[in-house]
Each structure stands twice: as structure tokens, then as C-alpha cells.
Amino acid sequence: MPLYSFQCPDCGKETELLVAFGDTPSCPACGSVAMKRLLSRVAPHANADAAGTPCAQAARDGALASFSPSECRGCACH
């Protein structure tokens, strides 16, 4: 089941709920079923170990072409 963020228009409480498709969520604070789904924040996935490698910095600077795969030491950028 996906995790969604909701806000209750009756009491104003924001909460995250696991909701199956077609289910009607209810507010855990007041019991209202008039919940409004909020836009979810997106967290980009990044390889924390590779973030500090020289080729990762070069990729951020737009100069990745100057690095060969052997110089990247397994950061999977090539």
C-alpha cells in the first residue's frame, strides 16, 4: 500500500496514512472522512558513498567527459 500525506479540512491535522486504492481515509484526530491528499515531497536517491568522488564533482560541474571509468572507482557514473 502506498503512503500518502493528507490534511483534514475539519480540524487541520496533517498526517501520513497507508491507503489502498479505493479506500477512504479518515482523520486519526477527529474521524472526518473529508481528508484532502497533499502533494508528496520527493527525496532524490543518491549514492552517498559516491557523492564525494572526483568524478561525481566533475559531473556536477559538467566536466565528466574528462574522467575514464577506471578513474571513477566504482561510483557507477559511466
PDB file of N, CA and C in Angstrom:
ATOM      1  N   MET A   1       0.837  -1.180   0.000  1.00  0.00           N
ATOM      2  CA  MET A   1       0.000   0.000   0.000  1.00  0.00           C
ATOM      3  C   MET A   1       0.883   1.244   0.000  1.00  0.00           C
ATOM      4  N   PRO A   2       0.501   2.239  -0.778  1.00  0.00           N
ATOM      5  CA  PRO A   2       1.286   3.476  -0.795  1.00  0.00           C
ATOM      6  C   PRO A   2       1.017   4.354   0.422  1.00  0.00           C
ATOM      7  N   LEU A   3       2.017   5.138   0.775  1.00  0.00           N
ATOM      8  CA  LEU A   3       1.928   6.084   1.885  1.00  0.00           C
ATOM      9  C   LEU A   3       1.619   7.459   1.302  1.00  0.00           C
ATOM     10  N   TYR A   4       0.529   8.064   1.745  1.00  0.00           N
ATOM     11  CA  TYR A   4       0.119   9.375   1.263  1.00  0.00           C
ATOM     12  C   TYR A   4       0.052  10.360   2.418  1.00  0.00           C
ATOM     13  N   SER A   5       0.268  11.639   2.104  1.00  0.00           N
ATOM     14  CA  SER A   5       0.096  12.715   3.078  1.00  0.00           C
ATOM     15  C   SER A   5      -1.298  13.299   2.891  1.00  0.00           C
ATOM     16  N   PHE A   6      -1.989  13.515   4.005  1.00  0.00           N
ATOM     17  CA  PHE A   6      -3.341  14.067   3.978  1.00  0.00           C
ATOM     18  C   PHE A   6      -3.447  15.219   4.963  1.00  0.00           C
ATOM     19  N   GLN A   7      -4.425  16.098   4.699  1.00  0.00           N
ATOM     20  CA  GLN A   7      -4.794  17.131   5.661  1.00  0.00           C
ATOM     21  C   GLN A   7      -6.299  17.080   5.842  1.00  0.00           C
ATOM     22  N   CYS A   8      -6.712  17.186   7.084  1.00  0.00           N
ATOM     23  CA  CYS A   8      -8.133  17.189   7.407  1.00  0.00           C
ATOM     24  C   CYS A   8      -8.648  18.628   7.323  1.00  0.00           C
ATOM     25  N   PRO A   9      -9.650  18.889   6.476  1.00  0.00           N
ATOM     26  CA  PRO A   9     -10.191  20.245   6.392  1.00  0.00           C
ATOM     27  C   PRO A   9     -11.016  20.635   7.622  1.00  0.00           C
ATOM     28  N   ASP A  10     -11.442  19.646   8.397  1.00  0.00           N
ATOM     29  CA  ASP A  10     -12.257  19.939   9.576  1.00  0.00           C
ATOM     30  C   ASP A  10     -11.415  20.395  10.766  1.00  0.00           C
ATOM     31  N   CYS A  11     -10.316  19.680  11.059  1.00  0.00           N
ATOM     32  CA  CYS A  11      -9.502  20.030  12.233  1.00  0.00           C
ATOM     33  C   CYS A  11      -8.121  20.567  11.867  1.00  0.00           C
ATOM     34  N   GLY A  12      -7.726  20.445  10.581  1.00  0.00           N
ATOM     35  CA  GLY A  12      -6.442  20.973  10.129  1.00  0.00           C
ATOM     36  C   GLY A  12      -5.254  20.064  10.335  1.00  0.00           C
ATOM     37  N   LYS A  13      -5.448  18.888  10.920  1.00  0.00           N
ATOM     38  CA  LYS A  13      -4.333  17.971  11.193  1.00  0.00           C
ATOM     39  C   LYS A  13      -3.774  17.406   9.892  1.00  0.00           C
ATOM     40  N   GLU A  14      -2.430  17.406   9.782  1.00  0.00           N
ATOM     41  CA  GLU A  14      -1.749  16.753   8.664  1.00  0.00           C
ATOM     42  C   GLU A  14      -1.210  15.424   9.157  1.00  0.00           C
ATOM     43  N   THR A  15      -1.331  14.392   8.312  1.00  0.00           N
ATOM     44  CA  THR A  15      -0.879  13.063   8.702  1.00  0.00           C
ATOM     45  C   THR A  15      -0.513  12.266   7.464  1.00  0.00           C
ATOM     46  N   GLU A  16       0.294  11.223   7.649  1.00  0.00           N
ATOM     47  CA  GLU A  16       0.621  10.285   6.580  1.00  0.00           C
ATOM     48  C   GLU A  16      -0.107   8.986   6.871  1.00  0.00           C
ATOM     49  N   LEU A  17      -0.765   8.460   5.847  1.00  0.00           N
ATOM     50  CA  LEU A  17      -1.553   7.236   6.015  1.00  0.00           C
ATOM     51  C   LEU A  17      -1.253   6.260   4.894  1.00  0.00           C
ATOM     52  N   LEU A  18      -1.238   4.972   5.230  1.00  0.00           N
ATOM     53  CA  LEU A  18      -1.175   3.912   4.228  1.00  0.00           C
ATOM     54  C   LEU A  18      -2.595   3.680   3.741  1.00  0.00           C
ATOM     55  N   VAL A  19      -2.815   3.927   2.451  1.00  0.00           N
ATOM     56  CA  VAL A  19      -4.172   3.850   1.922  1.00  0.00           C
ATOM     57  C   VAL A  19      -4.170   3.016   0.648  1.00  0.00           C
ATOM     58  N   ALA A  20      -4.971   1.972   0.632  1.00  0.00           N
ATOM     59  CA  ALA A  20      -5.131   1.158  -0.567  1.00  0.00           C
ATOM     60  C   ALA A  20      -6.009   1.900  -1.564  1.00  0.00           C
ATOM     61  N   PHE A  21      -5.816   1.615  -2.848  1.00  0.00           N
ATOM     62  CA  PHE A  21      -6.614   2.254  -3.891  1.00  0.00           C
ATOM     63  C   PHE A  21      -8.094   1.991  -3.641  1.00  0.00           C
ATOM     64  N   GLY A  22      -8.880   3.040  -3.667  1.00  0.00           N
ATOM     65  CA  GLY A  22     -10.313   2.903  -3.472  1.00  0.00           C
ATOM     66  C   GLY A  22     -10.768   3.050  -2.033  1.00  0.00           C
ATOM     67  N   ASP A  23      -9.830   3.023  -1.067  1.00  0.00           N
ATOM     68  CA  ASP A  23     -10.194   3.205   0.339  1.00  0.00           C
ATOM     69  C   ASP A  23     -10.403   4.687   0.642  1.00  0.00           C
ATOM     70  N   THR A  24     -11.249   4.969   1.600  1.00  0.00           N
ATOM     71  CA  THR A  24     -11.492   6.336   2.049  1.00  0.00           C
ATOM     72  C   THR A  24     -10.795   6.529   3.389  1.00  0.00           C
ATOM     73  N   PRO A  25      -9.770   7.390   3.424  1.00  0.00           N
ATOM     74  CA  PRO A  25      -9.059   7.597   4.688  1.00  0.00           C
ATOM     75  C   PRO A  25      -9.881   8.449   5.653  1.00  0.00           C
ATOM     76  N   SER A  26      -9.659   8.224   6.933  1.00  0.00           N
ATOM     77  CA  SER A  26     -10.320   9.052   7.942  1.00  0.00           C
ATOM     78  C   SER A  26      -9.262   9.697   8.826  1.00  0.00           C
ATOM     79  N   CYS A  27      -9.575  10.870   9.329  1.00  0.00           N
ATOM     80  CA  CYS A  27      -8.654  11.628  10.170  1.00  0.00           C
ATOM     81  C   CYS A  27      -8.454  10.905  11.500  1.00  0.00           C
ATOM     82  N   PRO A  28      -7.202  10.654  11.894  1.00  0.00           N
ATOM     83  CA  PRO A  28      -6.956   9.990  13.173  1.00  0.00           C
ATOM     84  C   PRO A  28      -7.283  10.886  14.372  1.00  0.00           C
ATOM     85  N   ALA A  29      -7.379  12.198  14.161  1.00  0.00           N
ATOM     86  CA  ALA A  29      -7.657  13.118  15.268  1.00  0.00           C
ATOM     87  C   ALA A  29      -9.150  13.304  15.519  1.00  0.00           C
ATOM     88  N   CYS A  30      -9.924  13.518  14.422  1.00  0.00           N
ATOM     89  CA  CYS A  30     -11.341  13.828  14.612  1.00  0.00           C
ATOM     90  C   CYS A  30     -12.293  12.834  13.951  1.00  0.00           C
ATOM     91  N   GLY A  31     -11.760  11.917  13.125  1.00  0.00           N
ATOM     92  CA  GLY A  31     -12.592  10.907  12.493  1.00  0.00           C
ATOM     93  C   GLY A  31     -13.242  11.332  11.189  1.00  0.00           C
ATOM     94  N   SER A  32     -12.998  12.550  10.733  1.00  0.00           N
ATOM     95  CA  SER A  32     -13.589  13.044   9.491  1.00  0.00           C
ATOM     96  C   SER A  32     -13.106  12.216   8.303  1.00  0.00           C
ATOM     97  N   VAL A  33     -13.986  12.008   7.328  1.00  0.00           N
ATOM     98  CA  VAL A  33     -13.606  11.294   6.105  1.00  0.00           C
ATOM     99  C   VAL A  33     -13.457  12.266   4.933  1.00  0.00           C
ATOM    100  N   ALA A  34     -13.365  13.556   5.223  1.00  0.00           N
ATOM    101  CA  ALA A  34     -13.213  14.577   4.186  1.00  0.00           C
ATOM    102  C   ALA A  34     -11.741  14.917   3.963  1.00  0.00           C
ATOM    103  N   MET A  35     -10.868  13.945   4.132  1.00  0.00           N
ATOM    104  CA  MET A  35      -9.425  14.172   4.024  1.00  0.00           C
ATOM    105  C   MET A  35      -9.041  14.601   2.611  1.00  0.00           C
ATOM    106  N   LYS A  36      -8.109  15.549   2.526  1.00  0.00           N
ATOM    107  CA  LYS A  36      -7.583  16.029   1.246  1.00  0.00           C
ATOM    108  C   LYS A  36      -6.150  15.547   1.112  1.00  0.00           C
ATOM    109  N   ARG A  37      -5.853  14.886  -0.022  1.00  0.00           N
ATOM    110  CA  ARG A  37      -4.496  14.393  -0.240  1.00  0.00           C
ATOM    111  C   ARG A  37      -3.586  15.554  -0.619  1.00  0.00           C
ATOM    112  N   LEU A  38      -2.398  15.589  -0.015  1.00  0.00           N
ATOM    113  CA  LEU A  38      -1.417  16.637  -0.272  1.00  0.00           C
ATOM    114  C   LEU A  38      -0.379  16.147  -1.268  1.00  0.00           C
ATOM    115  N   LEU A  39       0.276  17.083  -1.934  1.00  0.00           N
ATOM    116  CA  LEU A  39       1.388  16.719  -2.792  1.00  0.00           C
ATOM    117  C   LEU A  39       2.511  16.190  -1.921  1.00  0.00           C
ATOM    118  N   SER A  40       3.068  15.074  -2.318  1.00  0.00           N
ATOM    119  CA  SER A  40       4.152  14.463  -1.546  1.00  0.00           C
ATOM    120  C   SER A  40       5.479  15.094  -1.916  1.00  0.00           C
ATOM    121  N   ARG A  41       6.341  15.199  -0.942  1.00  0.00           N
ATOM    122  CA  ARG A  41       7.697  15.666  -1.200  1.00  0.00           C
ATOM    123  C   ARG A  41       8.497  14.501  -1.762  1.00  0.00           C
ATOM    124  N   VAL A  42       9.390  14.813  -2.680  1.00  0.00           N
ATOM    125  CA  VAL A  42      10.203  13.779  -3.302  1.00  0.00           C
ATOM    126  C   VAL A  42      11.636  13.924  -2.815  1.00  0.00           C
ATOM    127  N   ALA A  43      12.204  12.820  -2.368  1.00  0.00           N
ATOM    128  CA  ALA A  43      13.604  12.804  -1.952  1.00  0.00           C
ATOM    129  C   ALA A  43      14.414  12.118  -3.040  1.00  0.00           C
ATOM    130  N   PRO A  44      15.329  12.834  -3.675  1.00  0.00           N
ATOM    131  CA  PRO A  44      16.128  12.201  -4.725  1.00  0.00           C
ATOM    132  C   PRO A  44      17.022  11.116  -4.146  1.00  0.00           C
ATOM    133  N   HIS A  45      17.162  10.044  -4.888  1.00  0.00           N
ATOM    134  CA  HIS A  45      18.008   8.934  -4.472  1.00  0.00           C
ATOM    135  C   HIS A  45      19.429   9.225  -4.931  1.00  0.00           C
ATOM    136  N   ALA A  46      20.363   9.100  -4.025  1.00  0.00           N
ATOM    137  CA  ALA A  46      21.762   9.314  -4.381  1.00  0.00           C
ATOM    138  C   ALA A  46      22.618   8.305  -3.639  1.00  0.00           C
ATOM    139  N   ASN A  47      23.689   7.920  -4.269  1.00  0.00           N
ATOM    140  CA  ASN A  47      24.645   7.021  -3.643  1.00  0.00           C
ATOM    141  C   ASN A  47      25.560   7.864  -2.763  1.00  0.00           C
ATOM    142  N   ALA A  48      25.369   7.813  -1.462  1.00  0.00           N
ATOM    143  CA  ALA A  48      26.120   8.658  -0.531  1.00  0.00           C
ATOM    144  C   ALA A  48      27.618   8.382  -0.588  1.00  0.00           C
ATOM    145  N   ASP A  49      28.013   7.143  -0.847  1.00  0.00           N
ATOM    146  CA  ASP A  49      29.433   6.813  -0.898  1.00  0.00           C
ATOM    147  C   ASP A  49      30.116   7.453  -2.099  1.00  0.00           C
ATOM    148  N   ALA A  50      29.388   7.608  -3.197  1.00  0.00           N
ATOM    149  CA  ALA A  50      29.977   8.134  -4.423  1.00  0.00           C
ATOM    150  C   ALA A  50      29.843   9.643  -4.539  1.00  0.00           C
ATOM    151  N   ALA A  51      29.085  10.278  -3.658  1.00  0.00           N
ATOM    152  CA  ALA A  51      28.808  11.710  -3.784  1.00  0.00           C
ATOM    153  C   ALA A  51      30.059  12.569  -3.681  1.00  0.00           C
ATOM    154  N   GLY A  52      31.069  12.100  -2.979  1.00  0.00           N
ATOM    155  CA  GLY A  52      32.265  12.908  -2.796  1.00  0.00           C
ATOM    156  C   GLY A  52      33.419  12.540  -3.702  1.00  0.00           C
ATOM    157  N   THR A  53      33.236  11.636  -4.645  1.00  0.00           N
ATOM    158  CA  THR A  53      34.326  11.230  -5.525  1.00  0.00           C
ATOM    159  C   THR A  53      34.635  12.338  -6.523  1.00  0.00           C
ATOM    160  N   PRO A  54      35.860  12.376  -7.039  1.00  0.00           N
ATOM    161  CA  PRO A  54      36.211  13.410  -8.015  1.00  0.00           C
ATOM    162  C   PRO A  54      35.320  13.405  -9.252  1.00  0.00           C
ATOM    163  N   CYS A  55      34.922  12.214  -9.729  1.00  0.00           N
ATOM    164  CA  CYS A  55      34.080  12.196 -10.924  1.00  0.00           C
ATOM    165  C   CYS A  55      32.666  12.676 -10.608  1.00  0.00           C
ATOM    166  N   ALA A  56      32.197  12.474  -9.380  1.00  0.00           N
ATOM    167  CA  ALA A  56      30.880  12.997  -9.010  1.00  0.00           C
ATOM    168  C   ALA A  56      30.906  14.516  -9.019  1.00  0.00           C
ATOM    169  N   GLN A  57      31.990  15.096  -8.519  1.00  0.00           N
ATOM    170  CA  GLN A  57      32.128  16.558  -8.557  1.00  0.00           C
ATOM    171  C   GLN A  57      32.218  17.036 -10.002  1.00  0.00           C
ATOM    172  N   ALA A  58      32.965  16.310 -10.835  1.00  0.00           N
ATOM    173  CA  ALA A  58      33.081  16.680 -12.244  1.00  0.00           C
ATOM    174  C   ALA A  58      31.729  16.607 -12.941  1.00  0.00           C
ATOM    175  N   ALA A  59      30.914  15.619 -12.584  1.00  0.00           N
ATOM    176  CA  ALA A  59      29.580  15.505 -13.172  1.00  0.00           C
ATOM    177  C   ALA A  59      28.725  16.707 -12.789  1.00  0.00           C
ATOM    178  N   ARG A  60      28.833  17.148 -11.543  1.00  0.00           N
ATOM    179  CA  ARG A  60      28.079  18.328 -11.113  1.00  0.00           C
ATOM    180  C   ARG A  60      28.570  19.580 -11.836  1.00  0.00           C
ATOM    181  N   ASP A  61      29.864  19.627 -12.148  1.00  0.00           N
ATOM    182  CA  ASP A  61      30.444  20.786 -12.826  1.00  0.00           C
ATOM    183  C   ASP A  61      30.319  20.705 -14.346  1.00  0.00           C
ATOM    184  N   GLY A  62      29.829  19.577 -14.876  1.00  0.00           N
ATOM    185  CA  GLY A  62      29.672  19.414 -16.319  1.00  0.00           C
ATOM    186  C   GLY A  62      30.943  19.002 -17.027  1.00  0.00           C
ATOM    187  N   ALA A  63      31.914  18.434 -16.320  1.00  0.00           N
ATOM    188  CA  ALA A  63      33.193  18.059 -16.915  1.00  0.00           C
ATOM    189  C   ALA A  63      33.460  16.568 -16.788  1.00  0.00           C
ATOM    190  N   LEU A  64      32.419  15.751 -16.796  1.00  0.00           N
ATOM    191  CA  LEU A  64      32.584  14.312 -16.587  1.00  0.00           C
ATOM    192  C   LEU A  64      33.350  13.643 -17.717  1.00  0.00           C
ATOM    193  N   ALA A  65      33.330  14.192 -18.923  1.00  0.00           N
ATOM    194  CA  ALA A  65      33.994  13.561 -20.062  1.00  0.00           C
ATOM    195  C   ALA A  65      35.499  13.429 -19.848  1.00  0.00           C
ATOM    196  N   SER A  66      36.059  14.198 -18.928  1.00  0.00           N
ATOM    197  CA  SER A  66      37.499  14.126 -18.703  1.00  0.00           C
ATOM    198  C   SER A  66      37.901  12.940 -17.830  1.00  0.00           C
ATOM    199  N   PHE A  67      36.943  12.187 -17.306  1.00  0.00           N
ATOM    200  CA  PHE A  67      37.227  11.031 -16.459  1.00  0.00           C
ATOM    201  C   PHE A  67      36.930   9.736 -17.206  1.00  0.00           C
ATOM    202  N   SER A  68      37.804   8.753 -17.034  1.00  0.00           N
ATOM    203  CA  SER A  68      37.552   7.432 -17.602  1.00  0.00           C
ATOM    204  C   SER A  68      36.865   6.579 -16.541  1.00  0.00           C
ATOM    205  N   PRO A  69      36.175   5.493 -16.945  1.00  0.00           N
ATOM    206  CA  PRO A  69      35.519   4.629 -15.959  1.00  0.00           C
ATOM    207  C   PRO A  69      36.474   4.088 -14.896  1.00  0.00           C
ATOM    208  N   SER A  70      37.732   3.837 -15.257  1.00  0.00           N
ATOM    209  CA  SER A  70      38.675   3.313 -14.262  1.00  0.00           C
ATOM    210  C   SER A  70      39.029   4.361 -13.207  1.00  0.00           C
ATOM    211  N   GLU A  71      38.912   5.637 -13.545  1.00  0.00           N
ATOM    212  CA  GLU A  71      39.205   6.698 -12.581  1.00  0.00           C
ATOM    213  C   GLU A  71      38.057   6.934 -11.604  1.00  0.00           C
ATOM    214  N   CYS A  72      36.896   6.416 -11.918  1.00  0.00           N
ATOM    215  CA  CYS A  72      35.728   6.676 -11.075  1.00  0.00           C
ATOM    216  C   CYS A  72      35.649   5.758  -9.868  1.00  0.00           C
ATOM    217  N   ARG A  73      36.425   4.740  -9.824  1.00  0.00           N
ATOM    218  CA  ARG A  73      36.479   3.834  -8.675  1.00  0.00           C
ATOM    219  C   ARG A  73      35.118   3.277  -8.275  1.00  0.00           C
ATOM    220  N   GLY A  74      34.328   2.856  -9.258  1.00  0.00           N
ATOM    221  CA  GLY A  74      33.086   2.153  -8.962  1.00  0.00           C
ATOM    222  C   GLY A  74      31.911   3.009  -8.556  1.00  0.00           C
ATOM    223  N   CYS A  75      31.890   4.283  -8.914  1.00  0.00           N
ATOM    224  CA  CYS A  75      30.760   5.110  -8.497  1.00  0.00           C
ATOM    225  C   CYS A  75      29.570   4.984  -9.450  1.00  0.00           C
ATOM    226  N   ALA A  76      29.671   4.207 -10.490  1.00  0.00           N
ATOM    227  CA  ALA A  76      28.573   3.899 -11.421  1.00  0.00           C
ATOM    228  C   ALA A  76      28.098   5.107 -12.217  1.00  0.00           C
ATOM    229  N   CYS A  77      28.965   6.077 -12.443  1.00  0.00           N
ATOM    230  CA  CYS A  77      28.548   7.235 -13.236  1.00  0.00           C
ATOM    231  C   CYS A  77      28.732   6.998 -14.729  1.00  0.00           C
ATOM    232  N   HIS A  78      29.511   6.004 -15.128  1.00  0.00           N
ATOM    233  CA  HIS A  78      29.722   5.709 -16.549  1.00  0.00           C
ATOM    234  C   HIS A  78      28.920   4.495 -16.950  1.00  0.00           C
TER     235      HIS A  78
END
